[in-house]
């Protein structure tokens, strides 16, 4: 959501007037009303109703209506019962490309009529949900307007693809839709060079790369932020099973055993939705006393939390596409100017970004020895009150810069 929001915020700076088409009554993991102020006052926003089967899904698995579903098919409770497994199978195999599929035809019908009456120079779709790209595909075939499609995550190469237990028919259908989108779009954009290579191979075409980023206005120092007095290691965002690295908890346990002073002032703080395995790991390693768990916090507060942290924990998903993963939070971590403790492929995209900015330390998924050394090194800096001087050369990741790159691609496909 941050990426399209910031594009809308800054496109007018580069000669483009955005019109936003979105849902009126969608199901979302969280709501952050504070972000409404990011939308320029003169922007036209068209909202249309959507039918989503999530209420039936929640009823079937025995959850209340206010139960929040989480992106990526992450479970919020331990062990799936047979009804949840069946519901996931239905959700994966019958709702293609995703549960927003019932918005596709009504949207194409509405927007094709709207575009006949209202002059628009180009269309942008951003997903997931990939149903939005299928809407763009339908509009492209009808209107012939220039179309740019933006992949914030991969489609068939997403990290949890194998967990969906797709039938051969469903898998083929997904792949055909994905290829149609890639073949018909005038420009295809993604957030990671490695993921772009995967899309280029599927579509047999070049892919443009526009990274995620940070908004300089969000990071503006109106009020000085004091650093935490404890040695805090802070993780921001959802932590699914593939981001919950057992080696992290084992290393925290070992560090506490190695140093009694560290044991007293080390705190691990987690902000966001967690897979049940996270709390299991905390308990199994006897770390309840030093771990704090917080649910969703408004983005404006998160910025301050990041700035006050002693260390920011970046956990890369341990999945087949791990090398290409560039989580959106990495750029705000850089802008917060606090040292990053990263667990992920040492030759991956995230590690490269951290290294290029001199912003922290990286260890592999199972390299506990190096991880312990990294934590102890960061703790020594904390004890010695050593000023952190990393986060250099990050201006290229500003949201305004990314929007300028998007505007240039729009200029190319409209030949402006």
Protein backbone atom coordinates (compact mmCIF):
# COMPACT_ATOMS: atom_id res chain seq x y z
CA UNK A 1 0.00 0.00 0.00
CA UNK A 2 2.87 2.41 0.76
CA UNK A 3 4.23 2.17 -2.78
CA UNK A 4 1.10 3.21 -4.72
CA UNK A 5 0.24 5.76 -2.03
CA UNK A 6 3.58 7.51 -2.49
CA UNK A 7 3.30 7.35 -6.30
CA UNK A 8 -0.05 9.14 -6.01
CA UNK A 9 1.45 11.65 -3.61
CA UNK A 10 4.29 12.68 -5.93
CA UNK A 11 3.16 12.07 -9.54
CA UNK A 12 1.87 15.64 -9.91
CA UNK A 13 5.43 16.87 -9.34
CA UNK A 14 6.39 15.23 -12.64
CA UNK A 15 3.55 16.26 -14.91
CA UNK A 16 1.08 13.45 -14.29
CA UNK A 17 -2.38 13.70 -12.72
CA UNK A 18 -3.33 10.41 -11.01
CA UNK A 19 -6.92 9.15 -10.86
CA UNK A 20 -7.24 6.35 -8.33
CA UNK A 21 -9.60 3.40 -8.78
CA UNK A 22 -10.01 1.29 -5.66
CA UNK A 23 -12.44 -0.77 -3.61
CA UNK A 24 -15.21 0.68 -1.50
CA UNK A 25 -15.63 -2.16 0.98
CA UNK A 26 -12.51 -4.33 0.83
CA UNK A 27 -11.10 -6.73 3.42
CA UNK A 28 -7.69 -5.62 4.72
CA UNK A 29 -5.30 -6.95 7.37
CA UNK A 30 -5.08 -3.50 8.98
CA UNK A 31 -6.38 0.06 8.64
CA UNK A 32 -4.23 3.13 9.21
CA UNK A 33 -6.38 6.23 9.06
CA UNK A 34 -3.34 8.46 9.65
CA UNK A 35 -2.21 7.80 6.07
CA UNK A 36 -5.22 9.58 4.59
CA UNK A 37 -3.35 12.86 4.97
CA UNK A 38 -0.81 11.59 2.40
CA UNK A 39 -3.37 11.86 -0.41
CA UNK A 40 -3.30 15.25 -2.18
CA UNK A 41 -6.59 17.11 -1.74
CA UNK A 42 -7.32 17.48 -5.45
CA UNK A 43 -6.86 13.81 -6.35
CA UNK A 44 -9.91 12.05 -7.78
CA UNK A 45 -10.59 8.70 -6.10
CA UNK A 46 -13.19 6.37 -7.59
CA UNK A 47 -14.43 3.68 -5.22
CA UNK A 48 -16.53 0.74 -6.34
CA UNK A 49 -18.01 -2.14 -4.34
CA UNK A 50 -16.35 -5.54 -4.37
CA UNK A 51 -17.61 -8.98 -3.44
CA UNK A 52 -15.01 -10.95 -1.52
CA UNK A 53 -15.61 -14.49 -0.17
CA UNK A 54 -13.66 -13.86 3.02
CA UNK A 55 -16.75 -13.75 5.25
CA UNK A 56 -17.67 -17.25 4.07
CA UNK A 57 -14.05 -18.35 4.47
CA UNK A 58 -13.91 -17.04 8.05
CA UNK A 59 -17.23 -18.69 8.90
CA UNK A 60 -16.00 -21.99 7.49
CA UNK A 61 -12.80 -22.00 9.57
CA UNK A 62 -14.67 -20.95 12.70
CA UNK A 63 -13.52 -17.33 12.98
CA UNK A 64 -15.54 -14.23 13.85
CA UNK A 65 -16.34 -11.55 11.29
CA UNK A 66 -13.76 -9.17 12.77
CA UNK A 67 -10.95 -11.74 12.36
CA UNK A 68 -8.24 -10.14 10.23
CA UNK A 69 -6.92 -12.24 7.37
CA UNK A 70 -3.22 -11.81 6.68
CA UNK A 71 -1.42 -11.50 3.36
CA UNK A 72 0.67 -14.44 2.22
CA UNK A 73 -1.63 -17.09 3.66
CA UNK A 74 0.06 -16.72 7.04
CA UNK A 75 -1.70 -18.45 9.90
CA UNK A 76 -2.27 -16.59 13.15
CA UNK A 77 -2.92 -19.65 15.26
CA UNK A 78 -1.14 -22.93 15.77
CA UNK A 79 -1.91 -25.99 13.64
CA UNK A 80 -4.50 -25.87 10.88
CA UNK A 81 -7.57 -28.01 11.41
CA UNK A 82 -9.02 -29.89 8.45
CA UNK A 83 -11.58 -27.14 7.72
CA UNK A 84 -8.83 -24.54 7.44
CA UNK A 85 -6.79 -26.79 5.15
CA UNK A 86 -9.84 -27.38 2.96
CA UNK A 87 -10.69 -23.68 2.91
CA UNK A 88 -7.11 -22.86 1.88
CA UNK A 89 -7.34 -25.42 -0.94
CA UNK A 90 -10.59 -23.85 -2.15
CA UNK A 91 -9.16 -20.33 -1.83
CA UNK A 92 -6.04 -21.35 -3.79
CA UNK A 93 -7.63 -23.42 -6.55
CA UNK A 94 -11.04 -21.89 -7.18
CA UNK A 95 -10.29 -18.18 -6.72
CA UNK A 96 -7.87 -17.43 -9.55
CA UNK A 97 -5.75 -15.38 -9.49
CA UNK A 98 -6.93 -14.53 -5.96
CA UNK A 99 -10.02 -13.91 -3.86
CA UNK A 100 -10.48 -10.47 -5.49
CA UNK A 101 -11.35 -12.17 -8.78
CA UNK A 102 -15.03 -11.16 -8.49
CA UNK A 103 -13.98 -7.53 -8.96
CA UNK A 104 -12.44 -8.18 -12.39
CA UNK A 105 -15.46 -8.21 -14.70
CA UNK A 106 -17.44 -5.44 -12.94
CA UNK A 107 -14.32 -3.25 -12.99
CA UNK A 108 -13.58 -3.83 -16.66
CA UNK A 109 -17.23 -3.08 -17.49
CA UNK A 110 -17.30 0.11 -15.39
CA UNK A 111 -13.87 1.42 -16.37
CA UNK A 112 -14.23 0.74 -20.09
CA UNK A 113 -17.34 2.98 -20.08
CA UNK A 114 -15.61 5.56 -17.86
CA UNK A 115 -12.60 5.74 -20.18
CA UNK A 116 -14.82 6.41 -23.19
CA UNK A 117 -16.18 9.52 -21.49
CA UNK A 118 -13.03 10.68 -19.68
CA UNK A 119 -9.67 11.27 -21.34
CA UNK A 120 -6.91 9.27 -19.71
CA UNK A 121 -3.41 8.97 -21.16
CA UNK A 122 -2.20 5.78 -19.47
CA UNK A 123 -3.19 3.01 -17.06
CA UNK A 124 -1.13 1.73 -14.12
CA UNK A 125 -1.97 -1.46 -12.26
CA UNK A 126 -0.11 -2.45 -9.11
CA UNK A 127 -0.34 -5.81 -7.40
CA UNK A 128 -0.77 -8.14 -5.72
CA UNK A 129 -3.64 -8.75 -5.70
CA UNK A 130 -2.97 -9.89 -9.25
CA UNK A 131 -6.68 -9.56 -10.05
CA UNK A 132 -5.83 -5.87 -10.51
CA UNK A 133 -3.40 -6.80 -13.30
CA UNK A 134 -6.12 -8.89 -14.96
CA UNK A 135 -8.37 -5.80 -14.90
CA UNK A 136 -5.56 -3.91 -16.62
CA UNK A 137 -5.24 -6.70 -19.20
CA UNK A 138 -8.96 -6.47 -20.02
CA UNK A 139 -8.81 -2.69 -20.33
CA UNK A 140 -5.74 -2.86 -22.55
CA UNK A 141 -7.53 -5.17 -24.98
CA UNK A 142 -10.63 -2.93 -25.08
CA UNK A 143 -9.16 0.59 -24.98
CA UNK A 144 -5.65 0.04 -26.43
CA UNK A 145 -4.40 2.66 -23.92
CA UNK A 146 -0.74 2.53 -22.86
CA UNK A 147 -0.50 0.27 -19.80
CA UNK A 148 2.20 -0.06 -17.15
CA UNK A 149 1.96 -2.97 -14.71
CA UNK A 150 3.81 -2.83 -11.39
CA UNK A 151 4.69 -6.06 -9.55
CA UNK A 152 5.25 -5.36 -5.85
CA UNK A 153 5.65 -9.13 -5.39
CA UNK A 154 6.10 -11.98 -7.86
CA UNK A 155 3.13 -14.01 -9.08
CA UNK A 156 3.95 -17.68 -9.76
CA UNK A 157 7.42 -17.16 -8.26
CA UNK A 158 6.13 -15.91 -4.89
CA UNK A 159 7.79 -17.54 -1.89
CA UNK A 160 4.68 -19.43 -0.71
CA UNK A 161 3.65 -20.73 -4.16
CA UNK A 162 4.31 -24.38 -3.26
CA UNK A 163 2.27 -24.02 -0.07
CA UNK A 164 -0.89 -23.33 -2.07
CA UNK A 165 -1.21 -27.01 -3.13
CA UNK A 166 -2.47 -26.06 -6.56
CA UNK A 167 -3.96 -28.54 -8.99
CA UNK A 168 -2.33 -28.79 -12.41
CA UNK A 169 -5.30 -26.94 -13.92
CA UNK A 170 -5.06 -24.08 -11.41
CA UNK A 171 -1.29 -23.81 -11.85
CA UNK A 172 -1.64 -23.66 -15.65
CA UNK A 173 -4.38 -21.04 -15.38
CA UNK A 174 -2.24 -18.82 -13.15
CA UNK A 175 0.73 -19.13 -15.48
CA UNK A 176 -1.34 -18.32 -18.57
CA UNK A 177 -2.80 -15.19 -16.92
CA UNK A 178 0.64 -14.11 -15.75
CA UNK A 179 2.11 -14.52 -19.23
CA UNK A 180 -0.80 -12.66 -20.84
CA UNK A 181 -0.23 -9.73 -18.49
CA UNK A 182 3.51 -9.69 -19.20
CA UNK A 183 2.99 -9.95 -22.96
CA UNK A 184 0.34 -7.24 -23.29
CA UNK A 185 1.66 -4.55 -20.93
CA UNK A 186 3.64 -1.72 -22.52
CA UNK A 187 5.94 -1.59 -19.50
CA UNK A 188 6.47 -4.07 -16.67
CA UNK A 189 8.03 -2.84 -13.43
CA UNK A 190 9.13 -4.77 -10.35
CA UNK A 191 10.84 -3.98 -7.04
CA UNK A 192 13.83 -6.36 -7.21
CA UNK A 193 16.40 -6.94 -9.98
CA UNK A 194 16.42 -10.69 -9.28
CA UNK A 195 12.64 -10.90 -9.42
CA UNK A 196 12.80 -8.90 -12.63
CA UNK A 197 15.02 -11.57 -14.15
CA UNK A 198 12.37 -14.16 -13.31
CA UNK A 199 9.60 -12.10 -14.90
CA UNK A 200 11.78 -11.42 -17.95
CA UNK A 201 12.24 -15.16 -18.42
CA UNK A 202 8.49 -15.83 -18.16
CA UNK A 203 7.49 -13.00 -20.48
CA UNK A 204 10.54 -13.06 -22.78
CA UNK A 205 10.80 -9.29 -22.48
CA UNK A 206 12.78 -6.61 -20.61
CA UNK A 207 11.60 -5.62 -17.14
CA UNK A 208 12.13 -2.21 -15.55
CA UNK A 209 13.27 -1.94 -11.94
CA UNK A 210 11.96 0.68 -9.54
CA UNK A 211 12.87 -0.09 -5.97
CA UNK A 212 10.72 0.57 -2.95
CA UNK A 213 11.91 3.46 -0.83
CA UNK A 214 11.38 5.89 1.99
CA UNK A 215 9.56 9.21 2.08
CA UNK A 216 11.80 12.05 3.15
CA UNK A 217 8.79 13.87 4.59
CA UNK A 218 8.05 10.90 6.86
CA UNK A 219 11.60 10.93 8.18
CA UNK A 220 11.72 14.70 8.76
CA UNK A 221 13.23 15.51 12.16
CA UNK A 222 10.63 17.87 13.57
CA UNK A 223 11.39 16.58 17.05
CA UNK A 224 14.68 15.00 18.07
CA UNK A 225 14.27 11.34 18.97
CA UNK A 226 16.21 9.95 21.92
CA UNK A 227 17.74 6.52 21.55
CA UNK A 228 16.42 3.70 23.74
CA UNK A 229 18.35 3.35 26.98
CA UNK A 230 18.14 -0.45 26.66
CA UNK A 231 19.95 -2.39 23.95
CA UNK A 232 16.86 -2.81 21.76
CA UNK A 233 16.69 -5.05 18.70
CA UNK A 234 13.50 -4.09 16.86
CA UNK A 235 11.65 -5.87 14.05
CA UNK A 236 8.97 -3.97 12.14
CA UNK A 237 6.26 -5.72 10.13
CA UNK A 238 4.70 -9.11 9.63
CA UNK A 239 6.80 -12.12 10.63
CA UNK A 240 5.55 -15.27 8.95
CA UNK A 241 7.05 -18.70 9.47
CA UNK A 242 9.67 -18.23 6.76
CA UNK A 243 10.89 -15.03 8.48
CA UNK A 244 11.02 -16.61 11.91
CA UNK A 245 14.60 -17.88 11.99
CA UNK A 246 15.29 -20.22 14.88
CA UNK A 247 18.95 -19.25 14.65
CA UNK A 248 18.02 -15.72 15.74
CA UNK A 249 16.44 -16.86 18.98
CA UNK A 250 19.27 -19.31 19.65
CA UNK A 251 21.79 -16.52 19.11
CA UNK A 252 19.91 -14.17 21.45
CA UNK A 253 19.88 -16.92 24.09
CA UNK A 254 23.62 -17.53 23.67
CA UNK A 255 24.45 -13.82 23.86
CA UNK A 256 22.51 -13.52 27.12
CA UNK A 257 24.42 -16.49 28.52
CA UNK A 258 27.76 -15.01 27.46
CA UNK A 259 27.24 -11.59 29.06
CA UNK A 260 25.33 -10.94 32.28
CA UNK A 261 25.18 -7.19 31.68
CA UNK A 262 23.75 -7.72 28.18
CA UNK A 263 21.21 -10.12 29.68
CA UNK A 264 19.87 -7.29 31.85
CA UNK A 265 19.47 -4.63 29.19
CA UNK A 266 18.81 -6.50 25.93
CA UNK A 267 15.23 -6.18 24.66
CA UNK A 268 13.78 -7.66 21.46
CA UNK A 269 10.70 -5.77 20.26
CA UNK A 270 8.40 -7.10 17.55
CA UNK A 271 5.82 -4.82 15.87
CA UNK A 272 3.26 -6.48 13.61
CA UNK A 273 1.42 -9.74 13.06
CA UNK A 274 3.32 -12.90 13.96
CA UNK A 275 3.12 -16.53 12.97
CA UNK A 276 2.42 -18.77 16.01
CA UNK A 277 5.91 -20.24 15.58
CA UNK A 278 7.40 -16.94 16.78
CA UNK A 279 5.93 -17.18 20.26
CA UNK A 280 6.88 -20.87 20.34
CA UNK A 281 10.49 -19.97 19.57
CA UNK A 282 10.51 -17.31 22.27
CA UNK A 283 9.15 -19.78 24.82
CA UNK A 284 11.38 -22.70 23.78
CA UNK A 285 14.48 -20.56 24.21
CA UNK A 286 13.35 -19.11 27.54
CA UNK A 287 13.28 -15.54 26.25
CA UNK A 288 9.88 -14.35 27.51
CA UNK A 289 11.55 -11.84 29.86
CA UNK A 290 13.35 -9.97 27.08
CA UNK A 291 10.82 -10.07 24.23
CA UNK A 292 8.03 -7.53 23.74
CA UNK A 293 5.24 -8.17 21.21
CA UNK A 294 3.17 -5.29 19.84
CA UNK A 295 0.32 -5.43 17.33
CA UNK A 296 -0.15 -2.95 14.51
CA UNK A 297 1.11 0.57 15.22
CA UNK A 298 0.31 3.58 12.96
CA UNK A 299 3.05 4.33 10.46
CA UNK A 300 3.72 7.77 11.93
CA UNK A 301 4.62 6.12 15.25
CA UNK A 302 6.66 3.37 13.59
CA UNK A 303 8.99 5.98 12.11
CA UNK A 304 9.81 7.24 15.60
CA UNK A 305 10.24 3.70 16.93
CA UNK A 306 12.73 2.94 14.18
CA UNK A 307 14.73 6.08 14.90
CA UNK A 308 14.92 5.36 18.63
CA UNK A 309 15.96 1.70 18.27
CA UNK A 310 19.51 0.67 18.99
CA UNK A 311 19.39 -2.03 16.27
CA UNK A 312 16.87 -2.75 13.50
CA UNK A 313 16.34 -6.43 12.72
CA UNK A 314 15.87 -7.29 9.03
CA UNK A 315 14.62 -10.85 8.54
CA UNK A 316 14.62 -12.15 4.96
CA UNK A 317 12.22 -15.00 4.12
CA UNK A 318 14.02 -18.35 3.95
CA UNK A 319 12.44 -19.42 0.67
CA UNK A 320 13.48 -20.42 -2.84
CA UNK A 321 13.42 -16.79 -4.03
CA UNK A 322 15.26 -15.43 -0.96
CA UNK A 323 18.13 -13.87 -2.94
CA UNK A 324 15.73 -11.51 -4.70
CA UNK A 325 13.75 -10.42 -1.65
CA UNK A 326 13.92 -6.71 -0.87
CA UNK A 327 11.40 -6.06 1.86
CA UNK A 328 9.90 -2.57 1.79
CA UNK A 329 11.02 -1.84 5.33
CA UNK A 330 14.73 -2.02 4.45
CA UNK A 331 14.60 1.49 2.96
CA UNK A 332 12.96 3.05 6.01
CA UNK A 333 15.54 1.21 8.12
CA UNK A 334 18.24 2.94 6.07
CA UNK A 335 16.56 6.32 6.44
CA UNK A 336 16.23 5.84 10.21
CA UNK A 337 20.05 5.85 10.35
CA UNK A 338 20.23 2.96 12.81
CA UNK A 339 22.42 -0.15 12.39
CA UNK A 340 20.76 -3.10 10.68
CA UNK A 341 21.10 -6.70 11.81
CA UNK A 342 20.18 -8.78 8.76
CA UNK A 343 19.61 -12.53 8.45
CA UNK A 344 19.43 -13.66 4.84
CA UNK A 345 21.50 -14.77 1.84
CA UNK A 346 24.91 -13.11 2.08
CA UNK A 347 24.88 -12.75 -1.72
CA UNK A 348 21.26 -11.60 -1.89
CA UNK A 349 19.70 -8.27 -2.87
CA UNK A 350 19.01 -7.22 0.73
CA UNK A 351 22.60 -7.93 1.79
CA UNK A 352 23.86 -5.89 -1.15
CA UNK A 353 21.71 -2.88 -0.21
CA UNK A 354 22.89 -3.05 3.43
CA UNK A 355 26.54 -3.38 2.38
CA UNK A 356 26.40 -0.59 -0.21
CA UNK A 357 25.03 1.82 2.39
CA UNK A 358 27.45 0.65 5.11
CA UNK A 359 24.30 0.21 7.16
CA UNK A 360 24.85 -2.95 9.17
CA UNK A 361 25.84 -6.60 9.30
CA UNK A 362 24.56 -9.74 7.57
CA UNK A 363 24.66 -13.43 8.43
CA UNK A 364 23.30 -16.49 6.62
CA UNK A 365 20.14 -18.32 7.60
CA UNK A 366 21.99 -20.94 9.68
CA UNK A 367 25.25 -19.21 10.57
CA UNK A 368 24.77 -18.87 14.31
CA UNK A 369 28.45 -18.26 14.99
CA UNK A 370 28.58 -15.18 12.77
CA UNK A 371 25.21 -13.96 14.04
CA UNK A 372 26.39 -14.12 17.65
CA UNK A 373 29.53 -12.18 16.69
CA UNK A 374 27.42 -9.58 14.88
CA UNK A 375 25.11 -9.09 17.87
CA UNK A 376 28.03 -8.85 20.30
CA UNK A 377 29.78 -6.36 18.03
CA UNK A 378 26.67 -4.18 17.93
CA UNK A 379 26.37 -4.48 21.69
CA UNK A 380 29.99 -3.35 22.13
CA UNK A 381 29.18 -0.25 20.06
CA UNK A 382 26.15 0.35 22.26
CA UNK A 383 28.18 0.05 25.47
CA UNK A 384 30.91 2.30 24.13
CA UNK A 385 28.33 4.81 22.88
CA UNK A 386 29.86 4.66 19.44
CA UNK A 387 27.97 6.86 17.00
CA UNK A 388 26.52 5.07 13.99
CA UNK A 389 27.71 6.59 10.73
CA UNK A 390 26.11 4.27 8.16
CA UNK A 391 23.21 4.78 5.79
CA UNK A 392 25.20 6.67 3.16
CA UNK A 393 24.12 7.22 -0.44
CA UNK A 394 20.49 6.35 0.23
CA UNK A 395 19.01 9.40 -1.50
CA UNK A 396 18.37 7.28 -4.60
CA UNK A 397 15.76 5.34 -2.60
CA UNK A 398 13.56 8.33 -1.84
CA UNK A 399 9.90 7.90 -2.82
CA UNK A 400 10.07 11.09 -4.84
CA UNK A 401 12.99 9.71 -6.89
CA UNK A 402 11.08 6.46 -7.48
CA UNK A 403 8.03 8.42 -8.65
CA UNK A 404 10.21 10.41 -11.04
CA UNK A 405 11.39 7.12 -12.55
CA UNK A 406 7.78 5.95 -12.88
CA UNK A 407 6.80 9.22 -14.59
CA UNK A 408 9.63 8.78 -17.09
CA UNK A 409 8.34 5.31 -18.01
CA UNK A 410 4.86 6.79 -18.48
CA UNK A 411 6.39 9.44 -20.74
CA UNK A 412 8.02 6.69 -22.79
CA UNK A 413 4.87 4.63 -23.35
CA UNK A 414 2.84 7.75 -24.20
CA UNK A 415 5.75 9.28 -26.15
CA UNK A 416 5.55 12.55 -24.24
